[in-house]
């Protein structure tokens, strides 16, 4: 009987230990990648402020070309929402809303993932002119994994998982923008 009590106590500790560890893990993460595009800042801004254009360069948008998308509001303005729904578990279901625009400088969005895991994250694309013909574009993503899911941050490399997709999306954006005719020609 004593051995059974010890075994049950050890099992209880093993089950409880991850939950205790999760109490001490900061669930916040922030990832930012950048690239230089050989186009003027305003020209890049006029393209990236429209969420529908992300379908052309975002790695995530290209995962399921058959995903259902719906739109609410006027694209390129605060309050515009682009929602998506996919049967592909890597795409899932959610929506992205433009929450702030700084003319010629920055677009900020809130991304609400609904499936496969519900969470709300923030994203932004910020622009800095390097000179009159080139722009540094920074794409960032911030979020927080709530307790006890924050325990996953011990085994997940968010920088690698999300960062690679952001960098590939920026490379796609660069290719698209540098192929386009300048609007001031």
N, C-alpha and C. Protein backbone atom coordinates (compact mmCIF):
# COMPACT_ATOMS: atom_id res chain seq x y z
N UNK A 1 0.82 -1.19 0.00
CA UNK A 1 0.00 0.00 0.00
C UNK A 1 0.87 1.26 0.00
N UNK A 2 1.97 1.21 0.74
CA UNK A 2 2.87 2.35 0.82
C UNK A 2 3.50 2.62 -0.55
N UNK A 3 3.86 1.57 -1.27
CA UNK A 3 4.46 1.71 -2.60
C UNK A 3 3.45 2.34 -3.56
N UNK A 4 2.19 2.01 -3.43
CA UNK A 4 1.14 2.60 -4.29
C UNK A 4 1.00 4.09 -4.00
N UNK A 5 1.04 4.48 -2.73
CA UNK A 5 0.95 5.89 -2.36
C UNK A 5 2.15 6.67 -2.91
N UNK A 6 3.33 6.09 -2.83
CA UNK A 6 4.53 6.75 -3.36
C UNK A 6 4.44 6.88 -4.87
N UNK A 7 4.00 5.83 -5.53
CA UNK A 7 3.85 5.86 -6.99
C UNK A 7 2.83 6.93 -7.41
N UNK A 8 1.72 7.00 -6.71
CA UNK A 8 0.70 8.00 -7.03
C UNK A 8 1.22 9.42 -6.75
N UNK A 9 1.97 9.59 -5.69
CA UNK A 9 2.55 10.90 -5.38
C UNK A 9 3.54 11.32 -6.46
N UNK A 10 4.39 10.40 -6.90
CA UNK A 10 5.35 10.70 -7.96
C UNK A 10 4.62 11.05 -9.25
N UNK A 11 3.58 10.29 -9.58
CA UNK A 11 2.79 10.58 -10.79
C UNK A 11 2.12 11.95 -10.69
N UNK A 12 1.58 12.28 -9.53
CA UNK A 12 0.94 13.59 -9.35
C UNK A 12 1.96 14.71 -9.53
N UNK A 13 3.16 14.54 -9.00
CA UNK A 13 4.21 15.55 -9.16
C UNK A 13 4.58 15.68 -10.63
N UNK A 14 4.74 14.55 -11.32
CA UNK A 14 5.10 14.59 -12.75
C UNK A 14 4.03 15.27 -13.59
N UNK A 15 2.77 15.06 -13.24
CA UNK A 15 1.68 15.69 -13.98
C UNK A 15 1.63 17.18 -13.65
N UNK A 16 1.83 17.56 -12.41
CA UNK A 16 1.73 18.95 -11.98
C UNK A 16 2.95 19.78 -12.38
N UNK A 17 4.12 19.16 -12.50
CA UNK A 17 5.36 19.88 -12.75
C UNK A 17 5.30 20.79 -13.98
N UNK A 18 4.82 20.32 -15.13
CA UNK A 18 4.77 21.24 -16.29
C UNK A 18 3.89 22.47 -16.03
N UNK A 19 2.81 22.30 -15.29
CA UNK A 19 1.92 23.42 -15.00
C UNK A 19 2.58 24.42 -14.06
N UNK A 20 3.40 23.92 -13.17
CA UNK A 20 4.14 24.81 -12.27
C UNK A 20 5.22 25.55 -13.06
N UNK A 21 5.93 24.82 -13.92
CA UNK A 21 6.97 25.45 -14.75
C UNK A 21 6.36 26.54 -15.63
N UNK A 22 5.19 26.28 -16.18
CA UNK A 22 4.52 27.25 -17.07
C UNK A 22 4.22 28.56 -16.35
N UNK A 23 4.07 28.52 -15.04
CA UNK A 23 3.82 29.75 -14.28
C UNK A 23 4.99 30.73 -14.39
N UNK A 24 6.17 30.22 -14.66
CA UNK A 24 7.37 31.04 -14.67
C UNK A 24 7.91 31.34 -16.08
N UNK A 25 7.14 30.98 -17.08
CA UNK A 25 7.57 31.21 -18.46
C UNK A 25 6.86 32.43 -19.03
N UNK A 26 7.65 33.37 -19.53
CA UNK A 26 7.09 34.54 -20.18
C UNK A 26 6.51 34.07 -21.52
N UNK A 27 5.24 34.27 -21.71
CA UNK A 27 4.59 33.79 -22.92
C UNK A 27 4.67 34.75 -24.10
N UNK A 28 5.34 35.88 -23.92
CA UNK A 28 5.41 36.89 -24.99
C UNK A 28 6.49 36.53 -26.01
N UNK A 29 6.21 36.90 -27.25
CA UNK A 29 7.21 36.74 -28.31
C UNK A 29 7.10 37.90 -29.29
N UNK A 30 8.22 38.22 -29.90
CA UNK A 30 8.27 39.29 -30.90
C UNK A 30 9.28 38.90 -31.96
N UNK A 31 8.87 38.96 -33.20
CA UNK A 31 9.73 38.60 -34.32
C UNK A 31 9.68 39.74 -35.32
N UNK A 32 10.84 40.14 -35.83
CA UNK A 32 10.90 41.18 -36.86
C UNK A 32 11.96 40.80 -37.88
N UNK A 33 11.60 40.92 -39.14
CA UNK A 33 12.52 40.69 -40.25
C UNK A 33 12.51 41.91 -41.15
N UNK A 34 13.57 42.09 -41.92
CA UNK A 34 13.62 43.25 -42.80
C UNK A 34 14.31 42.92 -44.11
N UNK A 35 14.06 43.80 -45.08
CA UNK A 35 14.65 43.67 -46.41
C UNK A 35 14.69 45.07 -47.03
N UNK A 36 15.58 45.27 -47.97
CA UNK A 36 15.63 46.53 -48.70
C UNK A 36 15.03 46.32 -50.08
N UNK A 37 14.11 47.21 -50.43
CA UNK A 37 13.44 47.15 -51.74
C UNK A 37 13.86 48.38 -52.53
N UNK A 38 14.23 48.16 -53.75
CA UNK A 38 14.69 49.25 -54.61
C UNK A 38 13.50 49.97 -55.26
N UNK A 39 12.74 50.60 -54.40
CA UNK A 39 11.60 51.44 -54.79
C UNK A 39 11.46 52.53 -53.74
N UNK A 40 10.91 53.68 -54.13
CA UNK A 40 10.69 54.76 -53.16
C UNK A 40 9.69 54.33 -52.07
N UNK A 41 9.86 54.88 -50.89
CA UNK A 41 9.05 54.51 -49.72
C UNK A 41 7.55 54.67 -49.98
N UNK A 42 7.13 55.79 -50.55
CA UNK A 42 5.70 56.02 -50.76
C UNK A 42 5.11 54.98 -51.71
N UNK A 43 5.88 54.58 -52.69
CA UNK A 43 5.40 53.58 -53.64
C UNK A 43 5.19 52.23 -52.95
N UNK A 44 6.11 51.87 -52.08
CA UNK A 44 5.97 50.62 -51.32
C UNK A 44 4.76 50.72 -50.39
N UNK A 45 4.61 51.85 -49.72
CA UNK A 45 3.48 52.04 -48.81
C UNK A 45 2.15 51.90 -49.54
N UNK A 46 2.05 52.51 -50.71
CA UNK A 46 0.79 52.45 -51.47
C UNK A 46 0.42 51.01 -51.84
N UNK A 47 1.37 50.12 -51.87
CA UNK A 47 1.10 48.71 -52.15
C UNK A 47 0.78 47.94 -50.86
N UNK A 48 1.59 48.12 -49.82
CA UNK A 48 1.43 47.29 -48.62
C UNK A 48 0.24 47.69 -47.75
N UNK A 49 -0.29 48.89 -47.92
CA UNK A 49 -1.41 49.29 -47.06
C UNK A 49 -2.70 48.54 -47.39
N UNK A 50 -2.74 47.87 -48.52
CA UNK A 50 -3.91 47.07 -48.90
C UNK A 50 -3.69 45.61 -48.49
N UNK A 51 -4.52 45.12 -47.57
CA UNK A 51 -4.38 43.74 -47.10
C UNK A 51 -4.55 42.73 -48.22
N UNK A 52 -5.41 43.04 -49.19
CA UNK A 52 -5.62 42.09 -50.28
C UNK A 52 -4.31 41.82 -51.03
N UNK A 53 -3.39 42.76 -51.05
CA UNK A 53 -2.11 42.55 -51.73
C UNK A 53 -1.24 41.52 -51.02
N UNK A 54 -1.51 41.26 -49.73
CA UNK A 54 -0.74 40.23 -49.03
C UNK A 54 -0.92 38.87 -49.67
N UNK A 55 -2.04 38.67 -50.36
CA UNK A 55 -2.24 37.39 -51.06
C UNK A 55 -1.15 37.14 -52.09
N UNK A 56 -0.50 38.20 -52.55
CA UNK A 56 0.54 38.08 -53.57
C UNK A 56 1.92 37.77 -52.98
N UNK A 57 2.16 38.17 -51.72
CA UNK A 57 3.51 37.99 -51.18
C UNK A 57 3.58 37.20 -49.87
N UNK A 58 2.51 37.11 -49.12
CA UNK A 58 2.55 36.41 -47.85
C UNK A 58 2.63 34.90 -48.05
N UNK A 59 3.56 34.27 -47.36
CA UNK A 59 3.72 32.82 -47.43
C UNK A 59 2.44 32.14 -46.94
N UNK A 60 1.84 32.69 -45.89
CA UNK A 60 0.65 32.08 -45.31
C UNK A 60 -0.52 32.11 -46.28
N UNK A 61 -0.67 33.19 -47.02
CA UNK A 61 -1.78 33.31 -47.97
C UNK A 61 -1.64 32.30 -49.11
N UNK A 62 -0.41 31.92 -49.41
CA UNK A 62 -0.17 31.00 -50.53
C UNK A 62 -0.30 29.53 -50.12
N UNK A 63 -0.43 29.23 -48.83
CA UNK A 63 -0.53 27.85 -48.38
C UNK A 63 -1.77 27.15 -48.93
N UNK A 64 -2.86 27.89 -49.07
CA UNK A 64 -4.10 27.31 -49.58
C UNK A 64 -4.76 28.28 -50.55
N UNK A 65 -4.43 28.16 -51.84
CA UNK A 65 -5.03 29.07 -52.83
C UNK A 65 -6.56 28.95 -52.90
N UNK A 66 -7.11 27.85 -52.39
CA UNK A 66 -8.56 27.65 -52.44
C UNK A 66 -9.27 28.14 -51.17
N UNK A 67 -8.54 28.75 -50.24
CA UNK A 67 -9.20 29.19 -49.01
C UNK A 67 -10.26 30.24 -49.32
N UNK A 68 -11.29 30.23 -48.50
CA UNK A 68 -12.39 31.19 -48.65
C UNK A 68 -11.99 32.46 -47.94
N UNK A 69 -12.14 33.60 -48.62
CA UNK A 69 -11.84 34.89 -48.01
C UNK A 69 -13.07 35.79 -48.11
N UNK A 70 -13.29 36.55 -47.05
CA UNK A 70 -14.36 37.55 -47.05
C UNK A 70 -13.76 38.87 -46.57
N UNK A 71 -14.40 39.96 -46.99
CA UNK A 71 -13.87 41.29 -46.68
C UNK A 71 -14.98 42.17 -46.12
N UNK A 72 -14.61 43.00 -45.17
CA UNK A 72 -15.56 43.91 -44.56
C UNK A 72 -14.91 45.28 -44.48
N UNK A 73 -15.53 46.27 -45.10
CA UNK A 73 -14.99 47.61 -45.08
C UNK A 73 -14.22 47.94 -46.35
N UNK A 74 -13.46 49.03 -46.28
CA UNK A 74 -12.68 49.52 -47.42
C UNK A 74 -11.21 49.19 -47.19
N UNK A 75 -10.66 48.36 -48.08
CA UNK A 75 -9.25 47.98 -47.95
C UNK A 75 -8.37 49.22 -48.00
N UNK A 76 -7.30 49.18 -47.21
CA UNK A 76 -6.38 50.31 -47.16
C UNK A 76 -6.80 51.38 -46.17
N UNK A 77 -7.85 51.08 -45.37
CA UNK A 77 -8.31 52.03 -44.35
C UNK A 77 -8.43 51.31 -43.01
N UNK A 78 -8.34 52.10 -41.93
CA UNK A 78 -8.48 51.53 -40.59
C UNK A 78 -9.87 50.92 -40.46
N UNK A 79 -9.92 49.71 -39.89
CA UNK A 79 -11.19 49.01 -39.70
C UNK A 79 -11.45 47.94 -40.74
N UNK A 80 -10.70 47.96 -41.85
CA UNK A 80 -10.90 46.93 -42.88
C UNK A 80 -10.53 45.57 -42.29
N UNK A 81 -11.38 44.56 -42.55
CA UNK A 81 -11.14 43.20 -42.07
C UNK A 81 -11.13 42.25 -43.25
N UNK A 82 -10.09 41.43 -43.28
CA UNK A 82 -10.02 40.32 -44.24
C UNK A 82 -10.05 39.04 -43.43
N UNK A 83 -11.08 38.23 -43.66
CA UNK A 83 -11.23 36.96 -42.94
C UNK A 83 -10.91 35.82 -43.89
N UNK A 84 -10.41 34.73 -43.33
CA UNK A 84 -10.09 33.56 -44.14
C UNK A 84 -10.58 32.31 -43.44
N UNK A 85 -10.84 31.29 -44.26
CA UNK A 85 -11.26 29.99 -43.75
C UNK A 85 -10.74 28.93 -44.69
N UNK A 86 -10.07 27.94 -44.11
CA UNK A 86 -9.45 26.90 -44.92
C UNK A 86 -9.62 25.55 -44.24
N UNK A 87 -9.70 24.51 -45.04
CA UNK A 87 -9.71 23.16 -44.48
C UNK A 87 -8.29 22.68 -44.21
N UNK A 88 -7.30 23.40 -44.71
CA UNK A 88 -5.89 23.09 -44.45
C UNK A 88 -5.56 23.48 -43.01
N UNK A 89 -5.14 22.52 -42.20
CA UNK A 89 -4.89 22.80 -40.77
C UNK A 89 -3.76 23.80 -40.57
N UNK A 90 -2.88 23.99 -41.56
CA UNK A 90 -1.80 24.98 -41.45
C UNK A 90 -2.29 26.40 -41.70
N UNK A 91 -3.49 26.53 -42.25
CA UNK A 91 -4.07 27.84 -42.54
C UNK A 91 -5.17 28.17 -41.53
N UNK A 92 -6.06 27.22 -41.33
CA UNK A 92 -7.11 27.39 -40.33
C UNK A 92 -8.12 28.46 -40.67
N UNK A 93 -8.56 29.15 -39.63
CA UNK A 93 -9.62 30.15 -39.76
C UNK A 93 -9.25 31.35 -38.89
N UNK A 94 -9.48 32.54 -39.43
CA UNK A 94 -9.20 33.74 -38.65
C UNK A 94 -9.51 35.00 -39.44
N UNK A 95 -9.03 36.12 -38.92
CA UNK A 95 -9.23 37.39 -39.59
C UNK A 95 -8.12 38.36 -39.21
N UNK A 96 -7.87 39.30 -40.11
CA UNK A 96 -6.86 40.34 -39.90
C UNK A 96 -7.54 41.68 -40.10
N UNK A 97 -7.31 42.59 -39.17
CA UNK A 97 -7.94 43.92 -39.22
C UNK A 97 -6.88 45.01 -39.21
N UNK A 98 -7.03 45.98 -40.10
CA UNK A 98 -6.14 47.15 -40.07
C UNK A 98 -6.54 48.00 -38.87
N UNK A 99 -5.59 48.21 -37.95
CA UNK A 99 -5.89 48.97 -36.74
C UNK A 99 -5.24 50.35 -36.74
N UNK A 100 -4.20 50.54 -37.55
CA UNK A 100 -3.54 51.85 -37.58
C UNK A 100 -2.78 51.99 -38.89
N UNK A 101 -2.87 53.19 -39.46
CA UNK A 101 -2.10 53.55 -40.64
C UNK A 101 -1.37 54.85 -40.36
N UNK A 102 -0.09 54.87 -40.62
CA UNK A 102 0.68 56.10 -40.54
C UNK A 102 1.14 56.36 -41.98
N UNK A 103 0.53 57.34 -42.61
CA UNK A 103 0.72 57.60 -44.04
C UNK A 103 2.19 57.56 -44.43
N UNK A 104 2.49 56.69 -45.37
CA UNK A 104 3.83 56.57 -45.92
C UNK A 104 4.84 55.89 -45.02
N UNK A 105 4.42 55.48 -43.81
CA UNK A 105 5.36 54.96 -42.83
C UNK A 105 5.08 53.55 -42.34
N UNK A 106 3.78 53.24 -42.07
CA UNK A 106 3.51 52.04 -41.29
C UNK A 106 2.05 51.60 -41.41
N UNK A 107 1.85 50.29 -41.38
CA UNK A 107 0.52 49.70 -41.25
C UNK A 107 0.58 48.74 -40.07
N UNK A 108 -0.44 48.81 -39.21
CA UNK A 108 -0.53 47.90 -38.06
C UNK A 108 -1.84 47.14 -38.16
N UNK A 109 -1.78 45.86 -37.80
CA UNK A 109 -2.97 45.02 -37.86
C UNK A 109 -3.09 44.17 -36.60
N UNK A 110 -4.30 43.74 -36.34
CA UNK A 110 -4.57 42.73 -35.32
C UNK A 110 -5.00 41.48 -36.06
N UNK A 111 -4.39 40.37 -35.70
CA UNK A 111 -4.73 39.09 -36.32
C UNK A 111 -5.41 38.23 -35.25
N UNK A 112 -6.61 37.81 -35.57
CA UNK A 112 -7.37 36.96 -34.64
C UNK A 112 -7.48 35.57 -35.25
N UNK A 113 -6.69 34.66 -34.71
CA UNK A 113 -6.74 33.26 -35.14
C UNK A 113 -7.89 32.59 -34.39
N UNK A 114 -8.70 31.84 -35.13
CA UNK A 114 -9.84 31.17 -34.50
C UNK A 114 -9.63 29.66 -34.47
N UNK A 115 -9.03 29.11 -35.52
CA UNK A 115 -8.73 27.68 -35.60
C UNK A 115 -7.37 27.52 -36.28
N UNK A 116 -6.56 26.59 -35.96
CA UNK A 116 -6.78 25.50 -35.02
C UNK A 116 -6.60 25.89 -33.55
N UNK A 117 -5.90 26.99 -33.26
CA UNK A 117 -5.73 27.46 -31.89
C UNK A 117 -6.13 28.93 -31.84
N UNK A 118 -7.03 29.27 -30.95
CA UNK A 118 -7.49 30.65 -30.83
C UNK A 118 -6.41 31.51 -30.17
N UNK A 119 -6.09 32.63 -30.80
CA UNK A 119 -5.16 33.60 -30.22
C UNK A 119 -5.31 34.91 -30.97
N UNK A 120 -4.82 35.96 -30.36
CA UNK A 120 -4.83 37.28 -30.98
C UNK A 120 -3.41 37.82 -30.95
N UNK A 121 -2.91 38.22 -32.10
CA UNK A 121 -1.56 38.73 -32.23
C UNK A 121 -1.59 40.07 -32.96
N UNK A 122 -0.49 40.77 -32.89
CA UNK A 122 -0.33 42.05 -33.58
C UNK A 122 0.73 41.88 -34.66
N UNK A 123 0.55 42.59 -35.76
CA UNK A 123 1.55 42.59 -36.83
C UNK A 123 1.71 44.01 -37.35
N UNK A 124 2.84 44.26 -37.96
CA UNK A 124 3.07 45.58 -38.55
C UNK A 124 4.04 45.45 -39.71
N UNK A 125 3.95 46.41 -40.60
CA UNK A 125 4.96 46.59 -41.64
C UNK A 125 5.35 48.06 -41.56
N UNK A 126 6.63 48.29 -41.31
CA UNK A 126 7.15 49.65 -41.17
C UNK A 126 8.16 49.93 -42.28
N UNK A 127 8.17 51.16 -42.75
CA UNK A 127 9.02 51.55 -43.86
C UNK A 127 9.98 52.67 -43.45
N UNK A 128 11.22 52.57 -43.93
CA UNK A 128 12.20 53.63 -43.73
C UNK A 128 12.90 53.88 -45.07
N UNK A 129 12.92 55.13 -45.49
CA UNK A 129 13.62 55.45 -46.74
C UNK A 129 15.12 55.34 -46.52
N UNK A 130 15.79 54.58 -47.37
CA UNK A 130 17.26 54.52 -47.32
C UNK A 130 17.82 55.71 -48.11
N UNK A 131 17.13 55.99 -49.22
CA UNK A 131 17.41 57.15 -50.05
C UNK A 131 16.16 57.36 -50.89
N UNK A 132 16.22 58.18 -51.92
CA UNK A 132 15.00 58.48 -52.68
C UNK A 132 14.52 57.31 -53.54
N UNK A 133 15.33 56.28 -53.71
CA UNK A 133 14.94 55.17 -54.58
C UNK A 133 14.93 53.81 -53.90
N UNK A 134 15.19 53.75 -52.61
CA UNK A 134 15.15 52.45 -51.93
C UNK A 134 14.59 52.59 -50.51
N UNK A 135 13.98 51.50 -50.05
CA UNK A 135 13.24 51.50 -48.79
C UNK A 135 13.57 50.26 -47.99
N UNK A 136 13.82 50.43 -46.69
CA UNK A 136 13.93 49.28 -45.80
C UNK A 136 12.54 48.97 -45.29
N UNK A 137 12.13 47.72 -45.46
CA UNK A 137 10.81 47.26 -45.04
C UNK A 137 11.00 46.29 -43.88
N UNK A 138 10.34 46.58 -42.76
CA UNK A 138 10.39 45.71 -41.59
C UNK A 138 9.00 45.13 -41.36
N UNK A 139 8.96 43.80 -41.25
CA UNK A 139 7.69 43.11 -41.00
C UNK A 139 7.81 42.45 -39.64
N UNK A 140 6.93 42.81 -38.73
CA UNK A 140 7.00 42.29 -37.38
C UNK A 140 5.71 41.65 -36.93
N UNK A 141 5.85 40.79 -35.93
CA UNK A 141 4.76 39.98 -35.42
C UNK A 141 4.97 39.83 -33.92
N UNK A 142 3.97 40.19 -33.11
CA UNK A 142 4.09 40.04 -31.67
C UNK A 142 2.86 39.33 -31.12
N UNK A 143 3.06 38.61 -30.04
CA UNK A 143 1.94 37.92 -29.43
C UNK A 143 2.29 37.40 -28.07
N UNK A 144 1.34 36.72 -27.49
CA UNK A 144 1.53 36.15 -26.16
C UNK A 144 0.76 34.84 -26.10
N UNK A 145 1.46 33.80 -25.70
CA UNK A 145 0.80 32.51 -25.49
C UNK A 145 0.34 32.48 -24.03
N UNK A 146 -0.94 32.25 -23.85
CA UNK A 146 -1.51 32.24 -22.50
C UNK A 146 -1.15 30.94 -21.77
N UNK A 147 -1.17 31.03 -20.44
CA UNK A 147 -0.95 29.88 -19.58
C UNK A 147 -2.06 28.86 -19.83
N UNK A 148 -1.82 27.60 -19.93
CA UNK A 148 -0.57 26.86 -19.85
C UNK A 148 0.09 26.61 -21.20
N UNK A 149 -0.52 27.16 -22.29
CA UNK A 149 0.07 26.95 -23.61
C UNK A 149 1.46 27.58 -23.74
N UNK A 150 1.77 28.56 -22.88
CA UNK A 150 3.09 29.19 -22.92
C UNK A 150 4.20 28.17 -22.69
N UNK A 151 3.88 27.03 -22.14
CA UNK A 151 4.85 25.94 -21.95
C UNK A 151 5.42 25.49 -23.30
N UNK A 152 4.62 25.61 -24.36
CA UNK A 152 5.07 25.21 -25.70
C UNK A 152 6.26 26.03 -26.18
N UNK A 153 6.43 27.23 -25.64
CA UNK A 153 7.56 28.06 -26.06
C UNK A 153 8.91 27.44 -25.70
N UNK A 154 8.90 26.47 -24.78
CA UNK A 154 10.14 25.77 -24.44
C UNK A 154 10.58 24.84 -25.57
N UNK A 155 9.63 24.39 -26.38
CA UNK A 155 9.96 23.44 -27.45
C UNK A 155 9.74 24.02 -28.85
N UNK A 156 9.08 25.17 -28.93
CA UNK A 156 8.84 25.81 -30.23
C UNK A 156 9.80 26.97 -30.41
N UNK A 157 10.37 27.09 -31.58
CA UNK A 157 11.23 28.22 -31.88
C UNK A 157 10.42 29.20 -32.73
N UNK A 158 9.76 30.15 -32.08
CA UNK A 158 8.90 31.09 -32.79
C UNK A 158 9.70 31.92 -33.80
N UNK A 159 10.92 32.29 -33.43
CA UNK A 159 11.77 33.06 -34.34
C UNK A 159 11.98 32.30 -35.65
N UNK A 160 12.22 31.01 -35.52
CA UNK A 160 12.44 30.20 -36.73
C UNK A 160 11.13 29.95 -37.47
N UNK A 161 10.10 29.57 -36.72
CA UNK A 161 8.82 29.23 -37.36
C UNK A 161 8.21 30.43 -38.08
N UNK A 162 8.03 31.52 -37.38
CA UNK A 162 7.38 32.70 -37.94
C UNK A 162 8.39 33.54 -38.73
N UNK A 163 9.61 33.65 -38.21
CA UNK A 163 10.63 34.48 -38.84
C UNK A 163 10.95 34.06 -40.26
N UNK A 164 11.04 32.76 -40.51
CA UNK A 164 11.32 32.29 -41.87
C UNK A 164 10.20 32.67 -42.82
N UNK A 165 8.95 32.56 -42.35
CA UNK A 165 7.81 32.93 -43.19
C UNK A 165 7.79 34.43 -43.47
N UNK A 166 8.11 35.23 -42.45
CA UNK A 166 8.18 36.68 -42.66
C UNK A 166 9.27 37.03 -43.67
N UNK A 167 10.45 36.42 -43.53
CA UNK A 167 11.56 36.72 -44.43
C UNK A 167 11.23 36.30 -45.87
N UNK A 168 10.61 35.14 -46.03
CA UNK A 168 10.21 34.69 -47.37
C UNK A 168 9.13 35.60 -47.95
N UNK A 169 8.21 36.05 -47.11
CA UNK A 169 7.19 37.00 -47.58
C UNK A 169 7.81 38.31 -48.02
N UNK A 170 8.81 38.78 -47.27
CA UNK A 170 9.51 40.01 -47.66
C UNK A 170 10.25 39.83 -48.98
N UNK A 171 10.85 38.66 -49.18
CA UNK A 171 11.54 38.39 -50.45
C UNK A 171 10.53 38.40 -51.60
N UNK A 172 9.35 37.83 -51.37
CA UNK A 172 8.29 37.87 -52.39
C UNK A 172 7.86 39.30 -52.67
N UNK A 173 7.69 40.10 -51.61
CA UNK A 173 7.30 41.51 -51.76
C UNK A 173 8.35 42.27 -52.57
N UNK A 174 9.62 42.04 -52.28
CA UNK A 174 10.71 42.70 -53.00
C UNK A 174 10.64 42.36 -54.50
N UNK A 175 10.45 41.09 -54.80
CA UNK A 175 10.38 40.67 -56.21
C UNK A 175 9.20 41.33 -56.92
N UNK A 176 8.06 41.39 -56.26
CA UNK A 176 6.87 42.02 -56.86
C UNK A 176 7.10 43.51 -57.07
N UNK A 177 7.57 44.18 -56.04
CA UNK A 177 7.74 45.63 -56.12
C UNK A 177 8.80 46.02 -57.15
N UNK A 178 9.88 45.29 -57.21
CA UNK A 178 10.96 45.67 -58.13
C UNK A 178 10.63 45.34 -59.58
N UNK A 179 9.63 44.49 -59.80
CA UNK A 179 9.16 44.20 -61.16
C UNK A 179 8.20 45.26 -61.67
N UNK A 180 7.51 45.92 -60.74
CA UNK A 180 6.46 46.89 -61.10
C UNK A 180 7.06 48.15 -61.69
N UNK A 181 6.34 48.74 -62.61
CA UNK A 181 6.71 50.05 -63.14
C UNK A 181 6.53 51.07 -62.04
N UNK A 182 7.46 52.00 -61.90
CA UNK A 182 7.31 53.05 -60.90
C UNK A 182 6.10 53.91 -61.22
N UNK A 183 5.38 54.31 -60.16
CA UNK A 183 4.18 55.12 -60.37
C UNK A 183 4.52 56.56 -60.74
N UNK A 184 5.78 56.96 -60.53
CA UNK A 184 6.14 58.35 -60.84
C UNK A 184 6.87 58.46 -62.20
N UNK A 185 6.75 57.44 -63.02
CA UNK A 185 7.39 57.51 -64.35
C UNK A 185 6.42 58.05 -65.38
